Amino acid sequence: WLSKYYGKHYLNDALKIGIGIHHGKLHRCLSQ
């Protein structure tokens, strides 16, 4: 879903191996 609507980003690959990322600039809904 992220790849389709946000484009290429390392978060997309991180999620596949059970890893998330969180920082203050990330869209709030994605952090939540």
PDB file of all heavy atoms in Angstrom:
ATOM      1  N   TRP A   1       0.831  -1.202   0.000  1.00  0.00           N
ATOM      2  CA  TRP A   1       0.000   0.000   0.000  1.00  0.00           C
ATOM      3  C   TRP A   1       0.870   1.259   0.000  1.00  0.00           C
ATOM      4  O   TRP A   1       0.618   2.212  -0.744  1.00  0.00           O
ATOM      5  CB  TRP A   1      -0.909  -0.029   1.228  1.00  0.00           C
ATOM      6  CG  TRP A   1      -1.926   1.062   1.299  1.00  0.00           C
ATOM      7  CD1 TRP A   1      -3.178   1.070   0.741  1.00  0.00           C
ATOM      8  CD2 TRP A   1      -1.790   2.323   1.969  1.00  0.00           C
ATOM      9  NE1 TRP A   1      -3.833   2.253   1.022  1.00  0.00           N
ATOM     10  CE2 TRP A   1      -3.005   3.034   1.777  1.00  0.00           C
ATOM     11  CE3 TRP A   1      -0.773   2.914   2.714  1.00  0.00           C
ATOM     12  CZ2 TRP A   1      -3.208   4.305   2.303  1.00  0.00           C
ATOM     13  CZ3 TRP A   1      -0.980   4.183   3.244  1.00  0.00           C
ATOM     14  CH2 TRP A   1      -2.180   4.864   3.040  1.00  0.00           C
ATOM     15  N   LEU A   2       1.918   1.254   0.814  1.00  0.00           N
ATOM     16  CA  LEU A   2       2.841   2.390   0.860  1.00  0.00           C
ATOM     17  C   LEU A   2       3.564   2.569  -0.473  1.00  0.00           C
ATOM     18  O   LEU A   2       3.727   3.693  -0.958  1.00  0.00           O
ATOM     19  CB  LEU A   2       3.862   2.192   1.977  1.00  0.00           C
ATOM     20  CG  LEU A   2       3.371   2.415   3.406  1.00  0.00           C
ATOM     21  CD1 LEU A   2       4.422   1.946   4.411  1.00  0.00           C
ATOM     22  CD2 LEU A   2       3.052   3.878   3.647  1.00  0.00           C
ATOM     23  N   SER A   3       3.994   1.470  -1.061  1.00  0.00           N
ATOM     24  CA  SER A   3       4.699   1.551  -2.348  1.00  0.00           C
ATOM     25  C   SER A   3       3.817   2.175  -3.415  1.00  0.00           C
ATOM     26  O   SER A   3       4.279   2.977  -4.228  1.00  0.00           O
ATOM     27  CB  SER A   3       5.138   0.148  -2.796  1.00  0.00           C
ATOM     28  OG  SER A   3       6.067  -0.395  -1.891  1.00  0.00           O
ATOM     29  N   LYS A   4       2.534   1.817  -3.396  1.00  0.00           N
ATOM     30  CA  LYS A   4       1.605   2.311  -4.410  1.00  0.00           C
ATOM     31  C   LYS A   4       1.303   3.793  -4.231  1.00  0.00           C
ATOM     32  O   LYS A   4       1.267   4.544  -5.213  1.00  0.00           O
ATOM     33  CB  LYS A   4       0.307   1.504  -4.358  1.00  0.00           C
ATOM     34  CG  LYS A   4      -0.729   1.920  -5.403  1.00  0.00           C
ATOM     35  CD  LYS A   4      -1.933   0.994  -5.378  1.00  0.00           C
ATOM     36  CE  LYS A   4      -2.963   1.387  -6.425  1.00  0.00           C
ATOM     37  NZ  LYS A   4      -4.129   0.466  -6.435  1.00  0.00           N
ATOM     38  N   TYR A   5       1.107   4.217  -2.977  1.00  0.00           N
ATOM     39  CA  TYR A   5       0.618   5.576  -2.750  1.00  0.00           C
ATOM     40  C   TYR A   5       1.676   6.566  -2.248  1.00  0.00           C
ATOM     41  O   TYR A   5       1.431   7.768  -2.254  1.00  0.00           O
ATOM     42  CB  TYR A   5      -0.558   5.537  -1.772  1.00  0.00           C
ATOM     43  CG  TYR A   5      -1.756   4.840  -2.361  1.00  0.00           C
ATOM     44  CD1 TYR A   5      -2.151   3.587  -1.912  1.00  0.00           C
ATOM     45  CD2 TYR A   5      -2.474   5.405  -3.406  1.00  0.00           C
ATOM     46  CE1 TYR A   5      -3.241   2.926  -2.466  1.00  0.00           C
ATOM     47  CE2 TYR A   5      -3.566   4.765  -3.973  1.00  0.00           C
ATOM     48  CZ  TYR A   5      -3.939   3.523  -3.496  1.00  0.00           C
ATOM     49  OH  TYR A   5      -5.015   2.877  -4.057  1.00  0.00           O
ATOM     50  N   TYR A   6       2.829   6.058  -1.829  1.00  0.00           N
ATOM     51  CA  TYR A   6       3.901   6.950  -1.379  1.00  0.00           C
ATOM     52  C   TYR A   6       5.163   6.833  -2.230  1.00  0.00           C
ATOM     53  O   TYR A   6       6.032   7.689  -2.170  1.00  0.00           O
ATOM     54  CB  TYR A   6       4.250   6.664   0.085  1.00  0.00           C
ATOM     55  CG  TYR A   6       3.311   7.329   1.066  1.00  0.00           C
ATOM     56  CD1 TYR A   6       2.088   6.765   1.385  1.00  0.00           C
ATOM     57  CD2 TYR A   6       3.644   8.537   1.667  1.00  0.00           C
ATOM     58  CE1 TYR A   6       1.213   7.381   2.263  1.00  0.00           C
ATOM     59  CE2 TYR A   6       2.784   9.158   2.564  1.00  0.00           C
ATOM     60  CZ  TYR A   6       1.569   8.573   2.855  1.00  0.00           C
ATOM     61  OH  TYR A   6       0.713   9.199   3.730  1.00  0.00           O
ATOM     62  N   GLY A   7       5.249   5.750  -2.987  1.00  0.00           N
ATOM     63  CA  GLY A   7       6.433   5.572  -3.817  1.00  0.00           C
ATOM     64  C   GLY A   7       7.534   4.834  -3.088  1.00  0.00           C
ATOM     65  O   GLY A   7       7.342   4.270  -2.005  1.00  0.00           O
ATOM     66  N   LYS A   8       8.701   4.859  -3.651  1.00  0.00           N
ATOM     67  CA  LYS A   8       9.835   4.101  -3.127  1.00  0.00           C
ATOM     68  C   LYS A   8      10.346   4.711  -1.825  1.00  0.00           C
ATOM     69  O   LYS A   8      10.588   5.910  -1.736  1.00  0.00           O
ATOM     70  CB  LYS A   8      10.957   4.089  -4.173  1.00  0.00           C
ATOM     71  CG  LYS A   8      12.113   3.179  -3.816  1.00  0.00           C
ATOM     72  CD  LYS A   8      13.150   3.170  -4.942  1.00  0.00           C
ATOM     73  CE  LYS A   8      14.327   2.259  -4.584  1.00  0.00           C
ATOM     74  NZ  LYS A   8      15.355   2.248  -5.650  1.00  0.00           N
ATOM     75  N   HIS A   9      10.499   3.865  -0.812  1.00  0.00           N
ATOM     76  CA  HIS A   9      11.040   4.313   0.467  1.00  0.00           C
ATOM     77  C   HIS A   9      11.484   3.091   1.258  1.00  0.00           C
ATOM     78  O   HIS A   9      10.887   2.014   1.147  1.00  0.00           O
ATOM     79  CB  HIS A   9       9.989   5.094   1.263  1.00  0.00           C
ATOM     80  CG  HIS A   9      10.539   5.840   2.430  1.00  0.00           C
ATOM     81  ND1 HIS A   9      10.442   5.407   3.728  1.00  0.00           N
ATOM     82  CD2 HIS A   9      11.218   7.014   2.505  1.00  0.00           C
ATOM     83  CE1 HIS A   9      11.022   6.269   4.545  1.00  0.00           C
ATOM     84  NE2 HIS A   9      11.505   7.259   3.823  1.00  0.00           N
ATOM     85  N   TYR A  10      12.517   3.252   2.073  1.00  0.00           N
ATOM     86  CA  TYR A  10      13.036   2.090   2.788  1.00  0.00           C
ATOM     87  C   TYR A  10      12.063   1.553   3.839  1.00  0.00           C
ATOM     88  O   TYR A  10      12.157   0.394   4.253  1.00  0.00           O
ATOM     89  CB  TYR A  10      14.397   2.396   3.416  1.00  0.00           C
ATOM     90  CG  TYR A  10      14.400   3.383   4.554  1.00  0.00           C
ATOM     91  CD1 TYR A  10      14.326   2.943   5.871  1.00  0.00           C
ATOM     92  CD2 TYR A  10      14.514   4.749   4.330  1.00  0.00           C
ATOM     93  CE1 TYR A  10      14.343   3.836   6.930  1.00  0.00           C
ATOM     94  CE2 TYR A  10      14.526   5.649   5.372  1.00  0.00           C
ATOM     95  CZ  TYR A  10      14.449   5.187   6.667  1.00  0.00           C
ATOM     96  OH  TYR A  10      14.454   6.078   7.720  1.00  0.00           O
ATOM     97  N   LEU A  11      11.077   2.357   4.263  1.00  0.00           N
ATOM     98  CA  LEU A  11      10.066   1.857   5.188  1.00  0.00           C
ATOM     99  C   LEU A  11       9.298   0.694   4.572  1.00  0.00           C
ATOM    100  O   LEU A  11       8.938  -0.266   5.271  1.00  0.00           O
ATOM    101  CB  LEU A  11       9.094   2.980   5.574  1.00  0.00           C
ATOM    102  CG  LEU A  11       7.867   2.566   6.395  1.00  0.00           C
ATOM    103  CD1 LEU A  11       8.283   1.904   7.713  1.00  0.00           C
ATOM    104  CD2 LEU A  11       6.966   3.768   6.676  1.00  0.00           C
ATOM    105  N   ASN A  12       9.057   0.753   3.272  1.00  0.00           N
ATOM    106  CA  ASN A  12       8.318  -0.315   2.594  1.00  0.00           C
ATOM    107  C   ASN A  12       9.007  -1.663   2.776  1.00  0.00           C
ATOM    108  O   ASN A  12       8.367  -2.684   3.058  1.00  0.00           O
ATOM    109  CB  ASN A  12       8.175  -0.018   1.100  1.00  0.00           C
ATOM    110  CG  ASN A  12       7.619   1.367   0.830  1.00  0.00           C
ATOM    111  OD1 ASN A  12       7.076   2.004   1.716  1.00  0.00           O
ATOM    112  ND2 ASN A  12       7.769   1.843  -0.393  1.00  0.00           N
ATOM    113  N   ASP A  13      10.333  -1.673   2.615  1.00  0.00           N
ATOM    114  CA  ASP A  13      11.102  -2.912   2.773  1.00  0.00           C
ATOM    115  C   ASP A  13      11.264  -3.274   4.245  1.00  0.00           C
ATOM    116  O   ASP A  13      11.298  -4.454   4.599  1.00  0.00           O
ATOM    117  CB  ASP A  13      12.476  -2.763   2.114  1.00  0.00           C
ATOM    118  CG  ASP A  13      12.374  -2.563   0.611  1.00  0.00           C
ATOM    119  OD1 ASP A  13      11.483  -3.188   0.000  1.00  0.00           O
ATOM    120  OD2 ASP A  13      13.165  -1.782   0.054  1.00  0.00           O
ATOM    121  N   ALA A  14      11.363  -2.254   5.093  1.00  0.00           N
ATOM    122  CA  ALA A  14      11.535  -2.508   6.529  1.00  0.00           C
ATOM    123  C   ALA A  14      10.335  -3.265   7.096  1.00  0.00           C
ATOM    124  O   ALA A  14      10.484  -4.201   7.893  1.00  0.00           O
ATOM    125  CB  ALA A  14      11.734  -1.190   7.271  1.00  0.00           C
ATOM    126  N   LEU A  15       9.143  -2.877   6.683  1.00  0.00           N
ATOM    127  CA  LEU A  15       7.927  -3.527   7.196  1.00  0.00           C
ATOM    128  C   LEU A  15       7.903  -5.016   6.879  1.00  0.00           C
ATOM    129  O   LEU A  15       7.402  -5.826   7.678  1.00  0.00           O
ATOM    130  CB  LEU A  15       6.685  -2.848   6.615  1.00  0.00           C
ATOM    131  CG  LEU A  15       6.377  -1.452   7.153  1.00  0.00           C
ATOM    132  CD1 LEU A  15       5.333  -0.767   6.280  1.00  0.00           C
ATOM    133  CD2 LEU A  15       5.897  -1.514   8.601  1.00  0.00           C
ATOM    134  N   LYS A  16       8.453  -5.394   5.742  1.00  0.00           N
ATOM    135  CA  LYS A  16       8.444  -6.807   5.330  1.00  0.00           C
ATOM    136  C   LYS A  16       9.250  -7.682   6.291  1.00  0.00           C
ATOM    137  O   LYS A  16       9.006  -8.889   6.372  1.00  0.00           O
ATOM    138  CB  LYS A  16       9.007  -6.943   3.915  1.00  0.00           C
ATOM    139  CG  LYS A  16       8.134  -6.310   2.838  1.00  0.00           C
ATOM    140  CD  LYS A  16       8.802  -6.427   1.479  1.00  0.00           C
ATOM    141  CE  LYS A  16       8.014  -5.708   0.390  1.00  0.00           C
ATOM    142  NZ  LYS A  16       8.697  -5.744  -0.910  1.00  0.00           N
ATOM    143  N   ILE A  17      10.210  -7.087   6.983  1.00  0.00           N
ATOM    144  CA  ILE A  17      11.001  -7.880   7.935  1.00  0.00           C
ATOM    145  C   ILE A  17      10.664  -7.490   9.379  1.00  0.00           C
ATOM    146  O   ILE A  17      11.466  -7.676  10.293  1.00  0.00           O
ATOM    147  CB  ILE A  17      12.517  -7.745   7.668  1.00  0.00           C
ATOM    148  CG1 ILE A  17      12.973  -6.278   7.711  1.00  0.00           C
ATOM    149  CG2 ILE A  17      12.882  -8.367   6.337  1.00  0.00           C
ATOM    150  CD1 ILE A  17      14.488  -6.117   7.672  1.00  0.00           C
ATOM    151  N   GLY A  18       9.455  -6.930   9.560  1.00  0.00           N
ATOM    152  CA  GLY A  18       8.973  -6.681  10.917  1.00  0.00           C
ATOM    153  C   GLY A  18       9.575  -5.480  11.604  1.00  0.00           C
ATOM    154  O   GLY A  18       9.636  -5.419  12.831  1.00  0.00           O
ATOM    155  N   ILE A  19      10.030  -4.486  10.827  1.00  0.00           N
ATOM    156  CA  ILE A  19      10.666  -3.296  11.394  1.00  0.00           C
ATOM    157  C   ILE A  19       9.885  -2.055  10.974  1.00  0.00           C
ATOM    158  O   ILE A  19       9.510  -1.899   9.800  1.00  0.00           O
ATOM    159  CB  ILE A  19      12.134  -3.178  10.926  1.00  0.00           C
ATOM    160  CG1 ILE A  19      12.954  -4.344  11.489  1.00  0.00           C
ATOM    161  CG2 ILE A  19      12.748  -1.838  11.358  1.00  0.00           C
ATOM    162  CD1 ILE A  19      14.356  -4.424  10.927  1.00  0.00           C
ATOM    163  N   GLY A  20       9.634  -1.168  11.919  1.00  0.00           N
ATOM    164  CA  GLY A  20       9.003   0.111  11.632  1.00  0.00           C
ATOM    165  C   GLY A  20       9.958   1.252  11.898  1.00  0.00           C
ATOM    166  O   GLY A  20      11.012   1.064  12.512  1.00  0.00           O
ATOM    167  N   ILE A  21       9.607   2.451  11.423  1.00  0.00           N
ATOM    168  CA  ILE A  21      10.397   3.646  11.706  1.00  0.00           C
ATOM    169  C   ILE A  21       9.462   4.734  12.223  1.00  0.00           C
ATOM    170  O   ILE A  21       8.275   4.747  11.907  1.00  0.00           O
ATOM    171  CB  ILE A  21      11.181   4.145  10.468  1.00  0.00           C
ATOM    172  CG1 ILE A  21      10.215   4.648   9.382  1.00  0.00           C
ATOM    173  CG2 ILE A  21      12.090   3.069   9.931  1.00  0.00           C
ATOM    174  CD1 ILE A  21      10.905   5.408   8.267  1.00  0.00           C
ATOM    175  N   HIS A  22      10.011   5.627  13.023  1.00  0.00           N
ATOM    176  CA  HIS A  22       9.188   6.687  13.624  1.00  0.00           C
ATOM    177  C   HIS A  22      10.041   7.934  13.794  1.00  0.00           C
ATOM    178  O   HIS A  22      11.095   7.889  14.424  1.00  0.00           O
ATOM    179  CB  HIS A  22       8.665   6.213  14.979  1.00  0.00           C
ATOM    180  CG  HIS A  22       7.504   7.011  15.513  1.00  0.00           C
ATOM    181  ND1 HIS A  22       7.632   8.320  15.930  1.00  0.00           N
ATOM    182  CD2 HIS A  22       6.204   6.686  15.702  1.00  0.00           C
ATOM    183  CE1 HIS A  22       6.450   8.757  16.362  1.00  0.00           C
ATOM    184  NE2 HIS A  22       5.570   7.789  16.233  1.00  0.00           N
ATOM    185  N   HIS A  23       9.583   9.035  13.198  1.00  0.00           N
ATOM    186  CA  HIS A  23      10.239  10.326  13.435  1.00  0.00           C
ATOM    187  C   HIS A  23       9.207  11.428  13.285  1.00  0.00           C
ATOM    188  O   HIS A  23       8.097  11.205  12.767  1.00  0.00           O
ATOM    189  CB  HIS A  23      11.443  10.548  12.509  1.00  0.00           C
ATOM    190  CG  HIS A  23      11.133  10.436  11.041  1.00  0.00           C
ATOM    191  ND1 HIS A  23      10.461  11.432  10.345  1.00  0.00           N
ATOM    192  CD2 HIS A  23      11.395   9.456  10.136  1.00  0.00           C
ATOM    193  CE1 HIS A  23      10.348  11.075   9.078  1.00  0.00           C
ATOM    194  NE2 HIS A  23      10.884   9.880   8.914  1.00  0.00           N
ATOM    195  N   GLY A  24       9.540  12.613  13.733  1.00  0.00           N
ATOM    196  CA  GLY A  24       8.578  13.700  13.836  1.00  0.00           C
ATOM    197  C   GLY A  24       8.060  14.229  12.519  1.00  0.00           C
ATOM    198  O   GLY A  24       7.015  14.874  12.481  1.00  0.00           O
ATOM    199  N   LYS A  25       8.754  13.976  11.414  1.00  0.00           N
ATOM    200  CA  LYS A  25       8.335  14.512  10.122  1.00  0.00           C
ATOM    201  C   LYS A  25       7.447  13.543   9.348  1.00  0.00           C
ATOM    202  O   LYS A  25       6.807  13.921   8.373  1.00  0.00           O
ATOM    203  CB  LYS A  25       9.565  14.860   9.269  1.00  0.00           C
ATOM    204  CG  LYS A  25      10.512  15.873   9.904  1.00  0.00           C
ATOM    205  CD  LYS A  25       9.828  17.213  10.119  1.00  0.00           C
ATOM    206  CE  LYS A  25      10.801  18.280  10.597  1.00  0.00           C
ATOM    207  NZ  LYS A  25      11.322  18.046  11.946  1.00  0.00           N
ATOM    208  N   LEU A  26       7.408  12.295   9.750  1.00  0.00           N
ATOM    209  CA  LEU A  26       6.596  11.288   9.070  1.00  0.00           C
ATOM    210  C   LEU A  26       5.124  11.671   9.152  1.00  0.00           C
ATOM    211  O   LEU A  26       4.682  12.229  10.151  1.00  0.00           O
ATOM    212  CB  LEU A  26       6.820   9.937   9.748  1.00  0.00           C
ATOM    213  CG  LEU A  26       6.456   8.670   8.995  1.00  0.00           C
ATOM    214  CD1 LEU A  26       7.341   8.493   7.759  1.00  0.00           C
ATOM    215  CD2 LEU A  26       6.607   7.458   9.912  1.00  0.00           C
ATOM    216  N   HIS A  27       4.355  11.392   8.104  1.00  0.00           N
ATOM    217  CA  HIS A  27       2.924  11.662   8.172  1.00  0.00           C
ATOM    218  C   HIS A  27       2.332  10.996   9.406  1.00  0.00           C
ATOM    219  O   HIS A  27       2.595   9.833   9.686  1.00  0.00           O
ATOM    220  CB  HIS A  27       2.224  11.166   6.910  1.00  0.00           C
ATOM    221  CG  HIS A  27       2.404  12.065   5.738  1.00  0.00           C
ATOM    222  ND1 HIS A  27       2.020  11.728   4.463  1.00  0.00           N
ATOM    223  CD2 HIS A  27       2.923  13.324   5.632  1.00  0.00           C
ATOM    224  CE1 HIS A  27       2.287  12.720   3.630  1.00  0.00           C
ATOM    225  NE2 HIS A  27       2.843  13.702   4.317  1.00  0.00           N
ATOM    226  N   ARG A  28       1.497  11.748  10.118  1.00  0.00           N
ATOM    227  CA  ARG A  28       1.031  11.295  11.433  1.00  0.00           C
ATOM    228  C   ARG A  28       0.310   9.964  11.368  1.00  0.00           C
ATOM    229  O   ARG A  28       0.472   9.113  12.240  1.00  0.00           O
ATOM    230  CB  ARG A  28       0.118  12.361  12.035  1.00  0.00           C
ATOM    231  CG  ARG A  28       0.868  13.636  12.376  1.00  0.00           C
ATOM    232  CD  ARG A  28      -0.053  14.841  12.414  1.00  0.00           C
ATOM    233  NE  ARG A  28       0.700  16.078  12.527  1.00  0.00           N
ATOM    234  CZ  ARG A  28       0.218  17.269  12.224  1.00  0.00           C
ATOM    235  NH1 ARG A  28      -1.022  17.380  11.803  1.00  0.00           N
ATOM    236  NH2 ARG A  28       0.954  18.354  12.357  1.00  0.00           N
ATOM    237  N   CYS A  29      -0.513   9.787  10.342  1.00  0.00           N
ATOM    238  CA  CYS A  29      -1.270   8.537  10.240  1.00  0.00           C
ATOM    239  C   CYS A  29      -0.331   7.343  10.080  1.00  0.00           C
ATOM    240  O   CYS A  29      -0.601   6.253  10.612  1.00  0.00           O
ATOM    241  CB  CYS A  29      -2.266   8.604   9.093  1.00  0.00           C
ATOM    242  SG  CYS A  29      -1.534   9.053   7.513  1.00  0.00           S
ATOM    243  N   LEU A  30       0.794   7.513   9.383  1.00  0.00           N
ATOM    244  CA  LEU A  30       1.746   6.419   9.200  1.00  0.00           C
ATOM    245  C   LEU A  30       2.440   6.082  10.516  1.00  0.00           C
ATOM    246  O   LEU A  30       2.663   4.907  10.831  1.00  0.00           O
ATOM    247  CB  LEU A  30       2.790   6.784   8.136  1.00  0.00           C
ATOM    248  CG  LEU A  30       2.262   7.130   6.741  1.00  0.00           C
ATOM    249  CD1 LEU A  30       3.418   7.333   5.774  1.00  0.00           C
ATOM    250  CD2 LEU A  30       1.317   6.051   6.232  1.00  0.00           C
ATOM    251  N   SER A  31       2.763   7.114  11.293  1.00  0.00           N
ATOM    252  CA  SER A  31       3.358   6.880  12.614  1.00  0.00           C
ATOM    253  C   SER A  31       2.381   6.143  13.510  1.00  0.00           C
ATOM    254  O   SER A  31       2.737   5.164  14.192  1.00  0.00           O
ATOM    255  CB  SER A  31       3.737   8.217  13.268  1.00  0.00           C
ATOM    256  OG  SER A  31       4.639   8.945  12.477  1.00  0.00           O
ATOM    257  N   GLN A  32       1.124   6.590  13.514  1.00  0.00           N
ATOM    258  CA  GLN A  32       0.115   5.995  14.388  1.00  0.00           C
ATOM    259  C   GLN A  32      -0.144   4.539  14.033  1.00  0.00           C
ATOM    260  O   GLN A  32      -0.286   3.691  14.926  1.00  0.00           O
ATOM    261  CB  GLN A  32      -1.184   6.796  14.283  1.00  0.00           C
ATOM    262  CG  GLN A  32      -1.092   8.207  14.840  1.00  0.00           C
ATOM    263  CD  GLN A  32      -2.249   9.080  14.376  1.00  0.00           C
ATOM    264  OE1 GLN A  32      -3.084   8.668  13.586  1.00  0.00           O
ATOM    265  NE2 GLN A  32      -2.290  10.304  14.865  1.00  0.00           N
TER     266      GLN A  32
END
